[in-house]
Amino acid sequence: MTERPTLTGNTKTDVNNLLPAGANVVDIFTGIKQSPKQAELMEKVKQGVQKNYDWFVDYSKEYADVKPLPYHVNFGVTEA
């Protein structure tokens, strides 16, 4: 088994270490396209966080090891 190179956090160095020598075909992703509904929900969450910023900071610390954060009404959306 080939040992994996250690990632440095430097994109140029890491790409050169991870890709094999020679020509490579790659795709570059410039973002994730959201549906109108997803964009609407994200805007509501953004507004909820802005409105309840101090709460959000504390809540994020409380659930730092939990991904995604658990639902809370302060996010400004209804629970699924």
N, C-alpha and C. Protein backbone atom coordinates (compact mmCIF):
# COMPACT_ATOMS: atom_id res chain seq x y z
N MET A 1 0.84 -1.17 0.00
CA MET A 1 0.00 0.00 0.00
C MET A 1 0.89 1.24 0.00
N THR A 2 0.56 2.21 -0.85
CA THR A 2 1.33 3.44 -0.95
C THR A 2 0.94 4.38 0.19
N GLU A 3 1.94 4.95 0.83
CA GLU A 3 1.68 5.89 1.91
C GLU A 3 1.20 7.22 1.34
N ARG A 4 0.19 7.80 1.97
CA ARG A 4 -0.34 9.08 1.51
C ARG A 4 0.57 10.21 1.98
N PRO A 5 0.76 11.22 1.11
CA PRO A 5 1.57 12.36 1.54
C PRO A 5 0.81 13.17 2.60
N THR A 6 1.56 13.81 3.47
CA THR A 6 0.96 14.66 4.49
C THR A 6 0.52 15.97 3.85
N LEU A 7 -0.70 16.40 4.15
CA LEU A 7 -1.19 17.67 3.62
C LEU A 7 -0.60 18.82 4.42
N THR A 8 -0.21 19.88 3.71
CA THR A 8 0.45 21.01 4.34
C THR A 8 -0.48 22.20 4.55
N GLY A 9 -1.61 22.22 3.82
CA GLY A 9 -2.48 23.39 3.85
C GLY A 9 -2.15 24.36 2.74
N ASN A 10 -1.04 24.15 2.06
CA ASN A 10 -0.66 24.97 0.92
C ASN A 10 -1.19 24.27 -0.33
N THR A 11 -2.16 24.91 -0.98
CA THR A 11 -2.85 24.27 -2.11
C THR A 11 -1.89 23.82 -3.20
N LYS A 12 -0.97 24.68 -3.59
CA LYS A 12 -0.05 24.34 -4.68
C LYS A 12 0.80 23.12 -4.31
N THR A 13 1.33 23.11 -3.11
CA THR A 13 2.15 21.98 -2.66
C THR A 13 1.32 20.71 -2.57
N ASP A 14 0.14 20.82 -1.96
CA ASP A 14 -0.70 19.63 -1.76
C ASP A 14 -1.18 19.04 -3.08
N VAL A 15 -1.58 19.88 -4.03
CA VAL A 15 -2.03 19.38 -5.33
C VAL A 15 -0.88 18.66 -6.02
N ASN A 16 0.29 19.24 -5.98
CA ASN A 16 1.45 18.59 -6.61
C ASN A 16 1.79 17.26 -5.95
N ASN A 17 1.57 17.16 -4.64
CA ASN A 17 1.86 15.90 -3.93
C ASN A 17 0.79 14.84 -4.16
N LEU A 18 -0.45 15.27 -4.39
CA LEU A 18 -1.55 14.31 -4.50
C LEU A 18 -1.79 13.81 -5.91
N LEU A 19 -1.57 14.66 -6.92
CA LEU A 19 -1.82 14.24 -8.30
C LEU A 19 -0.59 13.54 -8.86
N PRO A 20 -0.81 12.53 -9.66
CA PRO A 20 0.33 11.86 -10.28
C PRO A 20 1.01 12.79 -11.28
N ALA A 21 2.30 12.56 -11.51
CA ALA A 21 3.04 13.36 -12.48
C ALA A 21 2.45 13.18 -13.87
N GLY A 22 2.53 14.22 -14.68
CA GLY A 22 2.00 14.15 -16.04
C GLY A 22 0.72 14.95 -16.17
N ALA A 23 0.04 14.75 -17.28
CA ALA A 23 -1.19 15.50 -17.55
C ALA A 23 -2.35 14.93 -16.74
N ASN A 24 -3.17 15.81 -16.19
CA ASN A 24 -4.34 15.42 -15.41
C ASN A 24 -5.53 16.26 -15.85
N VAL A 25 -6.69 15.66 -15.93
CA VAL A 25 -7.92 16.38 -16.24
C VAL A 25 -8.63 16.64 -14.91
N VAL A 26 -8.99 17.90 -14.67
CA VAL A 26 -9.65 18.26 -13.42
C VAL A 26 -10.87 19.13 -13.70
N ASP A 27 -11.79 19.14 -12.77
CA ASP A 27 -12.93 20.04 -12.80
C ASP A 27 -12.79 20.99 -11.63
N ILE A 28 -13.16 22.24 -11.85
CA ILE A 28 -13.12 23.24 -10.79
C ILE A 28 -14.55 23.62 -10.45
N PHE A 29 -14.89 23.46 -9.18
CA PHE A 29 -16.23 23.81 -8.71
C PHE A 29 -16.18 25.21 -8.15
N THR A 30 -17.04 26.07 -8.67
CA THR A 30 -17.04 27.46 -8.22
C THR A 30 -18.13 27.73 -7.20
N GLY A 31 -18.91 26.74 -6.88
CA GLY A 31 -19.95 26.93 -5.88
C GLY A 31 -21.04 25.90 -6.04
N ILE A 32 -21.91 25.87 -5.07
CA ILE A 32 -23.03 24.95 -5.10
C ILE A 32 -24.26 25.73 -5.51
N LYS A 33 -24.94 25.26 -6.52
CA LYS A 33 -26.14 25.93 -6.98
C LYS A 33 -27.30 25.51 -6.10
N GLN A 34 -27.99 26.51 -5.54
CA GLN A 34 -29.11 26.24 -4.66
C GLN A 34 -30.42 26.41 -5.42
N SER A 35 -31.40 25.64 -5.01
CA SER A 35 -32.75 25.83 -5.54
C SER A 35 -33.31 27.10 -4.90
N PRO A 36 -34.35 27.68 -5.48
CA PRO A 36 -34.97 28.86 -4.88
C PRO A 36 -35.42 28.60 -3.43
N LYS A 37 -35.94 27.41 -3.15
CA LYS A 37 -36.39 27.08 -1.79
C LYS A 37 -35.20 27.03 -0.83
N GLN A 38 -34.09 26.44 -1.26
CA GLN A 38 -32.90 26.39 -0.41
C GLN A 38 -32.39 27.80 -0.12
N ALA A 39 -32.37 28.65 -1.14
CA ALA A 39 -31.92 30.03 -0.96
C ALA A 39 -32.82 30.78 0.02
N GLU A 40 -34.12 30.55 -0.08
CA GLU A 40 -35.09 31.18 0.83
C GLU A 40 -34.83 30.73 2.28
N LEU A 41 -34.63 29.43 2.48
CA LEU A 41 -34.38 28.92 3.82
C LEU A 41 -33.06 29.45 4.39
N MET A 42 -32.03 29.50 3.55
CA MET A 42 -30.74 30.01 4.01
C MET A 42 -30.85 31.48 4.41
N GLU A 43 -31.63 32.25 3.68
CA GLU A 43 -31.83 33.66 4.02
C GLU A 43 -32.54 33.79 5.36
N LYS A 44 -33.53 32.94 5.61
CA LYS A 44 -34.24 32.96 6.89
C LYS A 44 -33.30 32.61 8.04
N VAL A 45 -32.46 31.60 7.84
CA VAL A 45 -31.50 31.22 8.88
C VAL A 45 -30.51 32.37 9.12
N LYS A 46 -30.04 32.97 8.04
CA LYS A 46 -29.11 34.10 8.15
C LYS A 46 -29.73 35.23 8.97
N GLN A 47 -30.98 35.55 8.68
CA GLN A 47 -31.67 36.60 9.42
C GLN A 47 -31.87 36.21 10.88
N GLY A 48 -32.20 34.94 11.13
CA GLY A 48 -32.36 34.46 12.49
C GLY A 48 -31.08 34.57 13.29
N VAL A 49 -29.96 34.24 12.67
CA VAL A 49 -28.66 34.34 13.33
C VAL A 49 -28.32 35.81 13.61
N GLN A 50 -28.57 36.68 12.63
CA GLN A 50 -28.29 38.10 12.83
C GLN A 50 -29.15 38.68 13.96
N LYS A 51 -30.41 38.30 14.01
CA LYS A 51 -31.34 38.80 15.02
C LYS A 51 -30.97 38.28 16.42
N ASN A 52 -30.44 37.08 16.48
CA ASN A 52 -30.14 36.41 17.76
C ASN A 52 -28.65 36.08 17.86
N TYR A 53 -27.80 37.03 17.51
CA TYR A 53 -26.38 36.74 17.36
C TYR A 53 -25.73 36.25 18.66
N ASP A 54 -25.99 36.92 19.77
CA ASP A 54 -25.37 36.49 21.04
C ASP A 54 -25.79 35.06 21.39
N TRP A 55 -27.08 34.76 21.19
CA TRP A 55 -27.56 33.40 21.42
C TRP A 55 -26.81 32.42 20.51
N PHE A 56 -26.67 32.79 19.22
CA PHE A 56 -26.03 31.91 18.25
C PHE A 56 -24.59 31.58 18.65
N VAL A 57 -23.86 32.58 19.11
CA VAL A 57 -22.47 32.35 19.53
C VAL A 57 -22.43 31.33 20.67
N ASP A 58 -23.28 31.53 21.67
CA ASP A 58 -23.33 30.60 22.81
C ASP A 58 -23.80 29.20 22.38
N TYR A 59 -24.81 29.15 21.53
CA TYR A 59 -25.36 27.88 21.05
C TYR A 59 -24.31 27.11 20.26
N SER A 60 -23.57 27.82 19.42
CA SER A 60 -22.51 27.19 18.62
C SER A 60 -21.42 26.61 19.51
N LYS A 61 -21.09 27.31 20.58
CA LYS A 61 -20.08 26.80 21.51
C LYS A 61 -20.60 25.57 22.25
N GLU A 62 -21.87 25.63 22.66
CA GLU A 62 -22.47 24.52 23.39
C GLU A 62 -22.49 23.24 22.56
N TYR A 63 -22.72 23.38 21.26
CA TYR A 63 -22.82 22.23 20.36
C TYR A 63 -21.65 22.17 19.38
N ALA A 64 -20.48 22.58 19.83
CA ALA A 64 -19.31 22.64 18.95
C ALA A 64 -18.98 21.30 18.31
N ASP A 65 -19.27 20.20 18.99
CA ASP A 65 -18.94 18.87 18.47
C ASP A 65 -20.08 18.22 17.71
N VAL A 66 -21.18 18.94 17.53
CA VAL A 66 -22.37 18.38 16.86
C VAL A 66 -22.53 19.05 15.50
N LYS A 67 -22.59 18.24 14.45
CA LYS A 67 -22.78 18.75 13.09
C LYS A 67 -23.89 17.98 12.42
N PRO A 68 -24.86 18.60 11.84
CA PRO A 68 -25.15 20.04 11.91
C PRO A 68 -25.71 20.40 13.28
N LEU A 69 -25.78 21.70 13.55
CA LEU A 69 -26.35 22.15 14.82
C LEU A 69 -27.78 21.67 14.95
N PRO A 70 -28.20 21.31 16.16
CA PRO A 70 -29.59 20.90 16.36
C PRO A 70 -30.55 22.06 16.08
N TYR A 71 -31.77 21.72 15.69
CA TYR A 71 -32.80 22.72 15.41
C TYR A 71 -33.05 23.58 16.65
N HIS A 72 -33.31 24.85 16.40
CA HIS A 72 -33.76 25.77 17.45
C HIS A 72 -34.63 26.82 16.76
N VAL A 73 -35.68 27.23 17.43
CA VAL A 73 -36.62 28.20 16.87
C VAL A 73 -35.92 29.52 16.50
N ASN A 74 -34.83 29.86 17.18
CA ASN A 74 -34.12 31.11 16.89
C ASN A 74 -33.49 31.14 15.50
N PHE A 75 -33.40 30.00 14.84
CA PHE A 75 -32.88 29.99 13.47
C PHE A 75 -33.86 30.62 12.49
N GLY A 76 -35.12 30.79 12.90
CA GLY A 76 -36.09 31.48 12.06
C GLY A 76 -36.80 30.60 11.05
N VAL A 77 -36.66 29.30 11.18
CA VAL A 77 -37.35 28.37 10.29
C VAL A 77 -38.09 27.34 11.14
N THR A 78 -39.05 26.66 10.54
CA THR A 78 -39.77 25.63 11.27
C THR A 78 -39.00 24.32 11.22
N GLU A 79 -39.23 23.48 12.21
CA GLU A 79 -38.54 22.19 12.29
C GLU A 79 -39.09 21.24 11.24
N ALA A 80 -38.20 20.49 10.62
CA ALA A 80 -38.61 19.53 9.59
C ALA A 80 -39.38 18.38 10.19
